């Protein structure tokens, strides 16, 4: 069963609560809530995973030229 089918089985109150948990707009009819939740999950699935930050090395001192 895909996500949309699973959401269609839930009562509207549960869909509203799921939208609230994800900081999504929770207004609209069942089909609007389901579409919003599906779009959110699809967007989350296509987000690239955050890459670990590169090891930071201390900056090398920059020698300035003597002032004249």
N, C-alpha and C. Protein backbone atom coordinates (compact mmCIF):
# COMPACT_ATOMS: atom_id res chain seq x y z
N UNK A 1 0.85 -1.18 0.00
CA UNK A 1 0.00 0.00 0.00
C UNK A 1 0.90 1.24 0.00
N UNK A 2 0.61 2.18 -0.89
CA UNK A 2 1.43 3.38 -0.94
C UNK A 2 0.94 4.41 0.08
N UNK A 3 1.69 5.48 0.22
CA UNK A 3 1.40 6.50 1.23
C UNK A 3 0.01 7.09 1.03
N UNK A 4 -0.34 7.41 -0.20
CA UNK A 4 -1.65 8.01 -0.46
C UNK A 4 -2.77 7.08 -0.01
N UNK A 5 -2.65 5.81 -0.31
CA UNK A 5 -3.68 4.85 0.10
C UNK A 5 -3.76 4.73 1.62
N UNK A 6 -2.60 4.77 2.27
CA UNK A 6 -2.58 4.72 3.74
C UNK A 6 -3.27 5.94 4.33
N UNK A 7 -2.97 7.11 3.77
CA UNK A 7 -3.57 8.34 4.28
C UNK A 7 -5.08 8.37 4.05
N UNK A 8 -5.52 7.79 2.94
CA UNK A 8 -6.96 7.76 2.64
C UNK A 8 -7.74 6.94 3.66
N UNK A 9 -7.06 6.04 4.36
CA UNK A 9 -7.72 5.21 5.37
C UNK A 9 -7.84 5.91 6.72
N UNK A 10 -7.12 7.02 6.91
CA UNK A 10 -7.09 7.72 8.20
C UNK A 10 -8.25 8.71 8.30
N UNK A 11 -8.75 8.93 9.52
CA UNK A 11 -9.78 9.95 9.70
C UNK A 11 -9.20 11.35 9.49
N UNK A 12 -10.05 12.31 9.19
CA UNK A 12 -9.59 13.67 8.91
C UNK A 12 -8.83 14.26 10.09
N UNK A 13 -9.26 13.95 11.31
CA UNK A 13 -8.56 14.46 12.49
C UNK A 13 -7.10 14.02 12.52
N UNK A 14 -6.85 12.78 12.11
CA UNK A 14 -5.47 12.28 12.08
C UNK A 14 -4.66 12.99 11.00
N UNK A 15 -5.30 13.29 9.86
CA UNK A 15 -4.61 14.00 8.79
C UNK A 15 -4.23 15.41 9.24
N UNK A 16 -5.15 16.05 9.95
CA UNK A 16 -4.89 17.40 10.47
C UNK A 16 -3.72 17.35 11.45
N UNK A 17 -3.72 16.36 12.34
CA UNK A 17 -2.63 16.23 13.31
C UNK A 17 -1.30 15.98 12.61
N UNK A 18 -1.31 15.17 11.56
CA UNK A 18 -0.07 14.90 10.82
C UNK A 18 0.45 16.17 10.16
N UNK A 19 -0.46 17.00 9.62
CA UNK A 19 -0.04 18.27 9.02
C UNK A 19 0.57 19.17 10.09
N UNK A 20 -0.08 19.23 11.25
CA UNK A 20 0.44 20.06 12.35
C UNK A 20 1.83 19.61 12.75
N UNK A 21 2.06 18.30 12.85
CA UNK A 21 3.36 17.77 13.27
C UNK A 21 4.46 18.15 12.29
N UNK A 22 4.08 18.32 11.03
CA UNK A 22 5.07 18.64 9.99
C UNK A 22 5.10 20.14 9.67
N UNK A 23 4.42 20.94 10.50
CA UNK A 23 4.33 22.39 10.29
C UNK A 23 3.76 22.75 8.93
N UNK A 24 2.76 21.97 8.49
CA UNK A 24 2.08 22.23 7.22
C UNK A 24 0.73 22.87 7.52
N UNK A 25 0.19 23.58 6.54
CA UNK A 25 -1.15 24.13 6.66
C UNK A 25 -2.12 22.97 6.87
N UNK A 26 -2.97 23.05 7.85
CA UNK A 26 -3.87 21.94 8.16
C UNK A 26 -5.32 22.24 7.75
N UNK A 27 -5.51 23.26 6.93
CA UNK A 27 -6.86 23.59 6.48
C UNK A 27 -7.14 22.92 5.15
N UNK A 28 -8.42 22.71 4.87
CA UNK A 28 -8.82 22.12 3.60
C UNK A 28 -9.55 20.81 3.81
N UNK A 29 -10.04 20.26 2.71
CA UNK A 29 -10.75 18.99 2.80
C UNK A 29 -9.77 17.82 2.81
N UNK A 30 -10.31 16.62 2.93
CA UNK A 30 -9.46 15.41 3.03
C UNK A 30 -8.48 15.31 1.86
N UNK A 31 -8.98 15.53 0.64
CA UNK A 31 -8.09 15.36 -0.53
C UNK A 31 -6.97 16.39 -0.53
N UNK A 32 -7.26 17.60 -0.05
CA UNK A 32 -6.23 18.64 0.04
C UNK A 32 -5.17 18.26 1.07
N UNK A 33 -5.61 17.78 2.23
CA UNK A 33 -4.68 17.39 3.28
C UNK A 33 -3.80 16.23 2.81
N UNK A 34 -4.43 15.25 2.17
CA UNK A 34 -3.68 14.09 1.67
C UNK A 34 -2.65 14.53 0.64
N UNK A 35 -3.06 15.38 -0.31
CA UNK A 35 -2.13 15.86 -1.34
C UNK A 35 -0.97 16.61 -0.71
N UNK A 36 -1.26 17.42 0.30
CA UNK A 36 -0.22 18.20 0.99
C UNK A 36 0.77 17.28 1.68
N UNK A 37 0.27 16.26 2.37
CA UNK A 37 1.14 15.32 3.08
C UNK A 37 1.98 14.50 2.11
N UNK A 38 1.37 14.04 1.02
CA UNK A 38 2.11 13.26 0.02
C UNK A 38 3.21 14.12 -0.60
N UNK A 39 2.89 15.36 -0.96
CA UNK A 39 3.89 16.25 -1.56
C UNK A 39 5.04 16.50 -0.60
N UNK A 40 4.71 16.67 0.68
CA UNK A 40 5.75 16.91 1.68
C UNK A 40 6.68 15.71 1.80
N UNK A 41 6.12 14.52 1.85
CA UNK A 41 6.94 13.31 1.98
C UNK A 41 7.77 13.08 0.73
N UNK A 42 7.21 13.36 -0.45
CA UNK A 42 7.98 13.20 -1.69
C UNK A 42 9.14 14.19 -1.74
N UNK A 43 8.89 15.43 -1.31
CA UNK A 43 9.95 16.44 -1.30
C UNK A 43 11.05 16.04 -0.33
N UNK A 44 10.64 15.49 0.80
CA UNK A 44 11.62 15.06 1.80
C UNK A 44 12.45 13.90 1.27
N UNK A 45 11.83 13.02 0.49
CA UNK A 45 12.54 11.86 -0.05
C UNK A 45 13.56 12.25 -1.11
N UNK A 46 13.31 13.36 -1.81
CA UNK A 46 14.23 13.77 -2.87
C UNK A 46 15.29 14.74 -2.38
N UNK A 47 15.18 15.18 -1.12
CA UNK A 47 16.19 16.09 -0.56
C UNK A 47 17.51 15.35 -0.44
N UNK A 48 18.59 15.96 -0.89
CA UNK A 48 19.88 15.29 -0.71
C UNK A 48 20.24 15.27 0.78
N UNK A 49 20.84 14.16 1.17
CA UNK A 49 21.26 14.08 2.56
C UNK A 49 22.36 15.09 2.79
N UNK A 50 22.34 15.67 3.97
CA UNK A 50 23.38 16.65 4.25
C UNK A 50 24.72 15.95 4.34
N UNK A 51 25.69 16.52 3.66
CA UNK A 51 27.02 15.93 3.64
C UNK A 51 27.75 16.32 4.92
N UNK A 52 28.55 15.41 5.43
CA UNK A 52 29.31 15.77 6.62
C UNK A 52 30.24 16.93 6.30
N UNK A 53 30.38 17.82 7.25
CA UNK A 53 31.22 18.99 7.01
C UNK A 53 32.67 18.55 6.86
N UNK A 54 33.34 19.20 5.94
CA UNK A 54 34.75 18.89 5.72
C UNK A 54 35.54 19.24 6.98
N UNK A 55 36.57 18.46 7.21
CA UNK A 55 37.40 18.73 8.39
C UNK A 55 37.99 20.13 8.25
N UNK A 56 37.79 20.92 9.27
CA UNK A 56 38.28 22.28 9.20
C UNK A 56 39.71 22.34 9.70
N UNK A 57 40.56 22.96 8.89
CA UNK A 57 41.95 23.16 9.29
C UNK A 57 42.10 24.59 9.73
N UNK A 58 42.98 24.82 10.67
CA UNK A 58 43.20 26.22 11.06
C UNK A 58 43.75 27.01 9.88
N UNK A 59 43.30 28.22 9.76
CA UNK A 59 43.77 29.07 8.67
C UNK A 59 45.25 29.38 8.86
N UNK A 60 45.97 29.36 7.75
CA UNK A 60 47.39 29.69 7.83
C UNK A 60 47.53 31.19 7.97
N UNK A 61 48.48 31.63 8.77
CA UNK A 61 48.65 33.08 8.93
C UNK A 61 49.07 33.71 7.60
N UNK A 62 48.51 34.86 7.35
CA UNK A 62 48.83 35.57 6.11
C UNK A 62 49.85 36.65 6.46
N UNK A 63 50.95 36.61 5.73
CA UNK A 63 51.98 37.61 6.00
C UNK A 63 51.63 38.86 5.23
N UNK A 64 51.62 39.97 5.93
CA UNK A 64 51.32 41.22 5.25
C UNK A 64 52.63 41.90 4.89
N UNK A 65 52.56 42.67 3.85
CA UNK A 65 53.77 43.38 3.44
C UNK A 65 53.97 44.56 4.38
N UNK A 66 55.22 44.89 4.67
CA UNK A 66 55.48 46.01 5.58
C UNK A 66 54.96 47.31 4.98
N UNK A 67 54.43 48.14 5.85
CA UNK A 67 53.93 49.43 5.38
C UNK A 67 55.10 50.35 5.14
N UNK A 68 55.00 51.25 4.20
CA UNK A 68 56.11 52.16 3.86
C UNK A 68 55.95 53.47 4.53
